[in-house]
N, C-alpha and C. Protein backbone atom coordinates (compact mmCIF):
# COMPACT_ATOMS: atom_id res chain seq x y z
N UNK A 1 103.42 170.16 156.41
CA UNK A 1 103.31 169.16 155.38
C UNK A 1 101.91 169.01 154.91
N UNK A 2 101.84 169.22 153.63
CA UNK A 2 100.46 169.13 153.01
C UNK A 2 100.42 167.74 152.40
N UNK A 3 99.24 167.18 152.61
CA UNK A 3 98.98 165.85 151.95
C UNK A 3 98.44 166.09 150.55
N UNK A 4 99.11 165.53 149.62
CA UNK A 4 98.59 165.80 148.23
C UNK A 4 97.63 164.63 147.86
N UNK A 5 96.51 164.99 147.47
CA UNK A 5 95.44 164.06 147.06
C UNK A 5 95.87 163.38 145.68
N UNK A 6 95.75 162.09 145.76
CA UNK A 6 96.14 161.35 144.51
C UNK A 6 95.01 161.50 143.55
N UNK A 7 95.32 162.13 142.37
CA UNK A 7 94.28 162.26 141.38
C UNK A 7 94.04 160.99 140.60
N UNK A 8 92.85 160.61 140.48
CA UNK A 8 92.62 159.43 139.71
C UNK A 8 92.16 159.79 138.30
N UNK A 9 92.77 159.26 137.33
CA UNK A 9 92.52 159.68 136.01
C UNK A 9 91.89 158.46 135.11
N UNK A 10 91.79 158.74 133.95
CA UNK A 10 91.20 157.78 133.00
C UNK A 10 92.13 156.66 132.93
N UNK A 11 91.55 155.40 133.02
CA UNK A 11 92.35 154.14 132.90
C UNK A 11 93.14 153.86 134.18
N UNK A 12 92.73 154.42 135.30
CA UNK A 12 93.52 154.10 136.53
C UNK A 12 93.27 152.73 137.02
N UNK A 13 92.27 152.05 136.42
CA UNK A 13 92.12 150.68 136.90
C UNK A 13 92.92 149.64 136.11
N UNK A 14 93.80 150.17 135.25
CA UNK A 14 94.60 149.24 134.38
C UNK A 14 95.52 148.43 135.21
N UNK A 15 95.69 148.65 136.52
CA UNK A 15 96.53 147.91 137.30
C UNK A 15 95.87 146.57 137.59
N UNK A 16 94.64 146.46 137.45
CA UNK A 16 94.00 145.10 137.65
C UNK A 16 94.34 144.12 136.56
N UNK A 17 94.71 144.59 135.48
CA UNK A 17 95.21 143.69 134.42
C UNK A 17 96.45 142.94 134.73
N UNK A 18 97.29 143.49 135.58
CA UNK A 18 98.52 142.77 135.95
C UNK A 18 98.25 141.45 136.59
N UNK A 19 97.08 141.38 137.25
CA UNK A 19 96.82 140.13 137.92
C UNK A 19 96.60 139.03 137.01
N UNK A 20 96.23 139.31 135.76
CA UNK A 20 95.97 138.30 134.84
C UNK A 20 97.07 138.23 133.72
N UNK A 21 98.03 139.13 133.67
CA UNK A 21 98.97 139.16 132.65
C UNK A 21 99.70 137.90 132.49
N UNK A 22 100.28 137.27 133.50
CA UNK A 22 100.97 136.00 133.44
C UNK A 22 100.18 134.94 132.89
N UNK A 23 99.01 134.88 133.43
CA UNK A 23 98.07 133.76 132.97
C UNK A 23 97.67 133.95 131.52
N UNK A 24 97.42 135.17 131.14
CA UNK A 24 96.98 135.38 129.70
C UNK A 24 98.21 135.00 128.81
N UNK A 25 99.36 135.42 129.18
CA UNK A 25 100.56 135.16 128.36
C UNK A 25 100.72 133.65 128.19
N UNK A 26 100.52 132.86 129.27
CA UNK A 26 100.66 131.41 129.21
C UNK A 26 99.49 130.81 128.52
N UNK A 27 98.31 131.29 128.57
CA UNK A 27 97.21 130.75 127.68
C UNK A 27 97.41 130.97 126.33
N UNK A 28 97.94 132.16 125.98
CA UNK A 28 98.26 132.39 124.59
C UNK A 28 99.30 131.42 124.06
N UNK A 29 100.36 131.21 124.87
CA UNK A 29 101.40 130.29 124.42
C UNK A 29 100.94 128.96 124.25
N UNK A 30 100.00 128.41 125.15
CA UNK A 30 99.45 127.15 125.10
C UNK A 30 98.50 127.07 123.80
N UNK A 31 97.77 128.08 123.57
CA UNK A 31 96.83 128.05 122.40
C UNK A 31 97.64 128.01 121.17
N UNK A 32 98.68 128.82 121.06
CA UNK A 32 99.56 128.83 119.91
C UNK A 32 100.24 127.47 119.62
N UNK A 33 100.62 126.86 120.67
CA UNK A 33 101.30 125.53 120.50
C UNK A 33 100.23 124.48 119.99
N UNK A 34 98.99 124.51 120.62
CA UNK A 34 98.03 123.60 120.19
C UNK A 34 97.55 123.89 118.71
N UNK A 35 97.49 125.13 118.34
CA UNK A 35 97.16 125.48 116.98
C UNK A 35 98.22 125.03 115.94
N UNK A 36 99.42 125.15 116.40
CA UNK A 36 100.59 124.69 115.50
C UNK A 36 100.37 123.19 115.30
N UNK A 37 100.20 122.41 116.35
CA UNK A 37 100.04 120.93 116.21
C UNK A 37 98.93 120.58 115.35
N UNK A 38 97.75 121.25 115.52
CA UNK A 38 96.57 120.97 114.68
C UNK A 38 96.88 121.31 113.19
N UNK A 39 97.59 122.43 112.97
CA UNK A 39 97.96 122.79 111.55
C UNK A 39 98.90 121.61 110.98
N UNK A 40 99.87 121.15 111.69
CA UNK A 40 100.82 120.10 111.34
C UNK A 40 99.89 118.78 110.94
N UNK A 41 98.97 118.43 111.82
CA UNK A 41 98.09 117.28 111.69
C UNK A 41 97.27 117.52 110.39
N UNK A 42 96.72 118.68 110.20
CA UNK A 42 95.88 118.94 109.01
C UNK A 42 96.72 118.65 107.70
N UNK A 43 97.89 119.13 107.75
CA UNK A 43 98.73 119.13 106.53
C UNK A 43 99.06 117.61 106.21
N UNK A 44 99.37 116.82 107.31
CA UNK A 44 99.55 115.52 107.04
C UNK A 44 98.32 114.65 106.71
N UNK A 45 97.27 115.04 107.29
CA UNK A 45 95.95 114.40 106.82
C UNK A 45 95.72 114.61 105.30
N UNK A 46 95.87 115.85 104.85
CA UNK A 46 95.76 116.22 103.42
C UNK A 46 96.71 115.32 102.56
N UNK A 47 97.95 115.21 103.06
CA UNK A 47 98.89 114.35 102.33
C UNK A 47 98.54 112.90 102.41
N UNK A 48 97.89 112.48 103.44
CA UNK A 48 97.45 111.10 103.54
C UNK A 48 96.20 110.83 102.65
N UNK A 49 95.48 111.74 102.29
CA UNK A 49 94.44 111.66 101.38
C UNK A 49 94.91 111.82 99.87
N UNK A 50 95.76 112.84 99.65
CA UNK A 50 96.02 113.28 98.22
C UNK A 50 97.50 112.75 97.87
N UNK A 51 98.11 111.96 98.66
CA UNK A 51 99.53 111.61 98.35
C UNK A 51 99.69 110.83 97.13
N UNK A 52 100.83 110.80 96.43
CA UNK A 52 101.11 110.17 95.17
C UNK A 52 100.81 108.69 95.20
N UNK A 53 101.41 108.03 96.24
CA UNK A 53 101.30 106.62 96.30
C UNK A 53 100.90 106.13 97.68
N UNK A 54 100.74 104.81 97.87
CA UNK A 54 100.38 104.28 99.18
C UNK A 54 101.40 104.48 100.28
N UNK A 55 102.65 104.60 99.90
CA UNK A 55 103.76 104.82 100.91
C UNK A 55 103.54 106.30 101.54
N UNK A 56 103.45 107.18 100.64
CA UNK A 56 103.30 108.63 101.09
C UNK A 56 102.06 108.78 101.90
N UNK A 57 101.06 108.18 101.47
CA UNK A 57 99.73 108.29 102.15
C UNK A 57 99.74 107.61 103.54
N UNK A 58 100.35 106.44 103.66
CA UNK A 58 100.45 105.77 104.98
C UNK A 58 101.31 106.42 105.91
N UNK A 59 102.52 106.94 105.38
CA UNK A 59 103.46 107.64 106.19
C UNK A 59 102.79 108.94 106.75
N UNK A 60 102.13 109.71 105.94
CA UNK A 60 101.58 110.95 106.42
C UNK A 60 100.34 110.70 107.32
N UNK A 61 99.64 109.65 107.15
CA UNK A 61 98.59 109.33 108.20
C UNK A 61 99.20 108.96 109.55
N UNK A 62 100.31 108.32 109.59
CA UNK A 62 100.93 107.97 110.86
C UNK A 62 101.52 109.22 111.54
N UNK A 63 102.00 110.19 110.75
CA UNK A 63 102.49 111.46 111.30
C UNK A 63 101.34 112.24 111.83
N UNK A 64 100.20 112.30 111.10
CA UNK A 64 99.07 112.91 111.56
C UNK A 64 98.51 112.36 112.90
N UNK A 65 98.51 111.05 113.02
CA UNK A 65 98.06 110.40 114.16
C UNK A 65 99.00 110.75 115.38
N UNK A 66 100.27 110.88 115.08
CA UNK A 66 101.21 111.32 116.12
C UNK A 66 100.89 112.73 116.60
N UNK A 67 100.69 113.66 115.73
CA UNK A 67 100.36 115.01 116.13
C UNK A 67 99.14 115.13 116.92
N UNK A 68 98.07 114.37 116.54
CA UNK A 68 96.78 114.42 117.25
C UNK A 68 96.94 113.73 118.58
N UNK A 69 97.78 112.66 118.68
CA UNK A 69 98.04 112.05 120.01
C UNK A 69 98.69 113.05 120.99
N UNK A 70 99.58 113.89 120.31
CA UNK A 70 100.33 114.83 121.17
C UNK A 70 99.31 115.91 121.70
N UNK A 71 98.44 116.38 120.88
CA UNK A 71 97.42 117.39 121.21
C UNK A 71 96.56 116.74 122.35
N UNK A 72 96.16 115.51 122.20
CA UNK A 72 95.35 114.81 123.18
C UNK A 72 96.04 114.63 124.51
N UNK A 73 97.37 114.38 124.51
CA UNK A 73 98.15 114.22 125.77
C UNK A 73 98.30 115.57 126.40
N UNK A 74 98.59 116.61 125.57
CA UNK A 74 98.73 117.93 126.19
C UNK A 74 97.48 118.52 126.84
N UNK A 75 96.34 117.99 126.46
CA UNK A 75 95.09 118.65 126.87
C UNK A 75 94.35 117.79 127.82
N UNK A 76 94.78 116.58 128.08
CA UNK A 76 94.02 115.53 128.92
C UNK A 76 93.71 116.06 130.30
N UNK A 77 94.78 116.62 130.96
CA UNK A 77 94.43 117.09 132.36
C UNK A 77 93.52 118.33 132.37
N UNK A 78 93.80 119.28 131.31
CA UNK A 78 92.97 120.43 131.28
C UNK A 78 91.59 120.07 131.05
N UNK A 79 91.40 119.03 130.12
CA UNK A 79 89.91 118.58 129.88
C UNK A 79 89.27 118.03 131.15
N UNK A 80 89.97 117.30 131.89
CA UNK A 80 89.48 116.66 133.18
C UNK A 80 89.04 117.70 134.09
N UNK A 81 89.91 118.64 134.39
CA UNK A 81 89.63 119.75 135.32
C UNK A 81 88.52 120.63 134.83
N UNK A 82 88.43 121.01 133.58
CA UNK A 82 87.43 121.89 133.04
C UNK A 82 86.07 121.09 133.06
N UNK A 83 86.10 119.83 132.75
CA UNK A 83 84.79 119.00 132.87
C UNK A 83 84.27 118.96 134.26
N UNK A 84 85.22 118.76 135.20
CA UNK A 84 84.84 118.63 136.62
C UNK A 84 84.26 120.04 137.13
N UNK A 85 84.81 121.11 136.68
CA UNK A 85 84.30 122.45 137.05
C UNK A 85 82.92 122.57 136.38
N UNK A 86 82.75 122.18 135.22
CA UNK A 86 81.49 122.32 134.43
C UNK A 86 80.33 121.46 135.14
N UNK A 87 80.72 120.38 135.69
CA UNK A 87 79.77 119.42 136.46
C UNK A 87 79.49 119.89 137.91
N UNK A 88 80.34 120.89 138.29
CA UNK A 88 80.22 121.37 139.75
C UNK A 88 80.85 120.51 140.72
N UNK A 89 81.84 119.61 140.27
CA UNK A 89 82.49 118.78 141.16
C UNK A 89 83.63 119.43 141.79
N UNK A 90 84.14 118.81 142.91
CA UNK A 90 85.21 119.46 143.72
C UNK A 90 86.58 118.98 142.98
N UNK A 91 87.29 119.94 142.47
CA UNK A 91 88.59 119.60 141.76
C UNK A 91 89.73 119.42 142.80
N UNK A 92 89.52 119.64 144.06
CA UNK A 92 90.56 119.61 145.06
C UNK A 92 90.70 118.27 145.72
N UNK A 93 89.79 117.32 145.25
CA UNK A 93 89.91 116.03 145.76
C UNK A 93 89.96 114.97 144.65
N UNK A 94 90.27 113.74 145.00
CA UNK A 94 90.44 112.63 144.04
C UNK A 94 89.22 112.45 143.26
N UNK A 95 89.19 112.11 142.05
CA UNK A 95 90.26 111.76 141.17
C UNK A 95 90.84 112.88 140.30
N UNK A 96 90.10 114.10 140.48
CA UNK A 96 90.54 115.26 139.66
C UNK A 96 91.68 116.03 140.29
N UNK A 97 92.12 115.79 141.52
CA UNK A 97 93.25 116.41 142.11
C UNK A 97 94.54 116.24 141.35
N UNK A 98 94.70 114.96 140.83
CA UNK A 98 95.92 114.64 140.07
C UNK A 98 96.05 115.56 138.91
N UNK A 99 94.99 115.61 138.20
CA UNK A 99 94.94 116.52 136.97
C UNK A 99 95.09 118.01 137.36
N UNK A 100 94.56 118.47 138.45
CA UNK A 100 94.69 119.83 138.94
C UNK A 100 96.14 120.09 139.20
N UNK A 101 96.74 119.16 139.93
CA UNK A 101 98.28 119.32 140.20
C UNK A 101 99.05 119.33 138.98
N UNK A 102 98.67 118.53 137.96
CA UNK A 102 99.40 118.59 136.70
C UNK A 102 99.31 119.94 136.00
N UNK A 103 98.21 120.50 136.01
CA UNK A 103 97.98 121.89 135.24
C UNK A 103 98.60 122.99 136.01
N UNK A 104 98.60 122.90 137.41
CA UNK A 104 99.18 124.01 138.19
C UNK A 104 100.75 123.88 138.36
N UNK A 105 101.27 122.68 137.96
CA UNK A 105 102.74 122.59 138.15
C UNK A 105 103.49 122.40 136.88
N UNK A 106 102.74 122.63 135.81
CA UNK A 106 103.31 122.33 134.45
C UNK A 106 103.83 123.66 133.84
N UNK A 107 103.95 123.56 132.55
CA UNK A 107 104.53 124.71 131.70
C UNK A 107 103.66 125.99 131.84
N UNK A 108 102.33 125.78 131.95
CA UNK A 108 101.41 126.95 131.99
C UNK A 108 100.81 127.07 133.36
N UNK A 109 101.71 127.15 134.41
CA UNK A 109 101.13 127.11 135.80
C UNK A 109 100.33 128.27 136.20
N UNK A 110 100.57 129.53 135.71
CA UNK A 110 99.71 130.63 136.11
C UNK A 110 98.44 130.51 135.51
N UNK A 111 98.36 130.05 134.26
CA UNK A 111 97.00 129.93 133.66
C UNK A 111 96.23 128.79 134.36
N UNK A 112 96.96 127.79 134.64
CA UNK A 112 96.27 126.63 135.40
C UNK A 112 95.89 127.11 136.86
N UNK A 113 96.72 127.84 137.44
CA UNK A 113 96.33 128.31 138.83
C UNK A 113 95.12 129.22 138.75
N UNK A 114 94.95 130.08 137.72
CA UNK A 114 93.87 131.00 137.59
C UNK A 114 92.58 130.13 137.42
N UNK A 115 92.60 129.04 136.72
CA UNK A 115 91.45 128.15 136.54
C UNK A 115 91.04 127.52 137.91
N UNK A 116 92.11 127.05 138.55
CA UNK A 116 91.85 126.36 139.77
C UNK A 116 91.28 127.35 140.86
N UNK A 117 91.88 128.58 140.92
CA UNK A 117 91.38 129.60 141.83
C UNK A 117 89.90 130.02 141.57
N UNK A 118 89.50 129.88 140.31
CA UNK A 118 88.10 130.23 139.98
C UNK A 118 87.11 129.08 140.32
N UNK A 119 87.70 127.91 140.76
CA UNK A 119 86.82 126.69 141.01
C UNK A 119 86.24 126.86 142.37
N UNK A 120 85.09 126.23 142.63
CA UNK A 120 84.46 126.16 143.82
C UNK A 120 85.06 125.06 144.69
N UNK A 121 85.19 125.26 146.02
CA UNK A 121 85.66 124.25 146.88
C UNK A 121 84.53 123.20 147.19
N UNK A 122 84.90 122.11 147.87
CA UNK A 122 83.99 121.07 148.21
C UNK A 122 82.71 121.58 149.04
N UNK A 123 83.10 122.50 149.93
CA UNK A 123 82.02 123.05 150.82
C UNK A 123 81.10 123.99 150.04
N UNK A 124 81.67 124.63 149.02
CA UNK A 124 80.82 125.50 148.14
C UNK A 124 79.97 124.76 147.23
N UNK A 125 80.45 123.51 146.79
CA UNK A 125 79.73 122.70 145.90
C UNK A 125 78.48 122.03 146.64
N UNK A 126 78.65 121.51 147.80
CA UNK A 126 77.55 120.87 148.58
C UNK A 126 76.58 121.80 149.24
């Protein structure tokens, strides 16, 4: 029995990309959703400024506020976790842990888990 040596070719490290594939797909979906909400809000803000009459302008401004509130609620936990990481705080303990659990158990869990895995633990912070 002869052992065949596995030849390594160009691009043989492409298997490393599969680690991030799910997280990147979810990050792309999240970014697409946020961009869509911002575009809708922008459209309504323009209508609230340039609308024909006060009814159209006030209705458009309330719709724009709703879209911006949706963006804010969608990103609140992400913002808290990313800010804690930036400040070097431990995200695995209160009060950030609640937000960490929200992003790792939500719609974009692989992307959230990637962010959490890259964070330092309490022993690494101190």
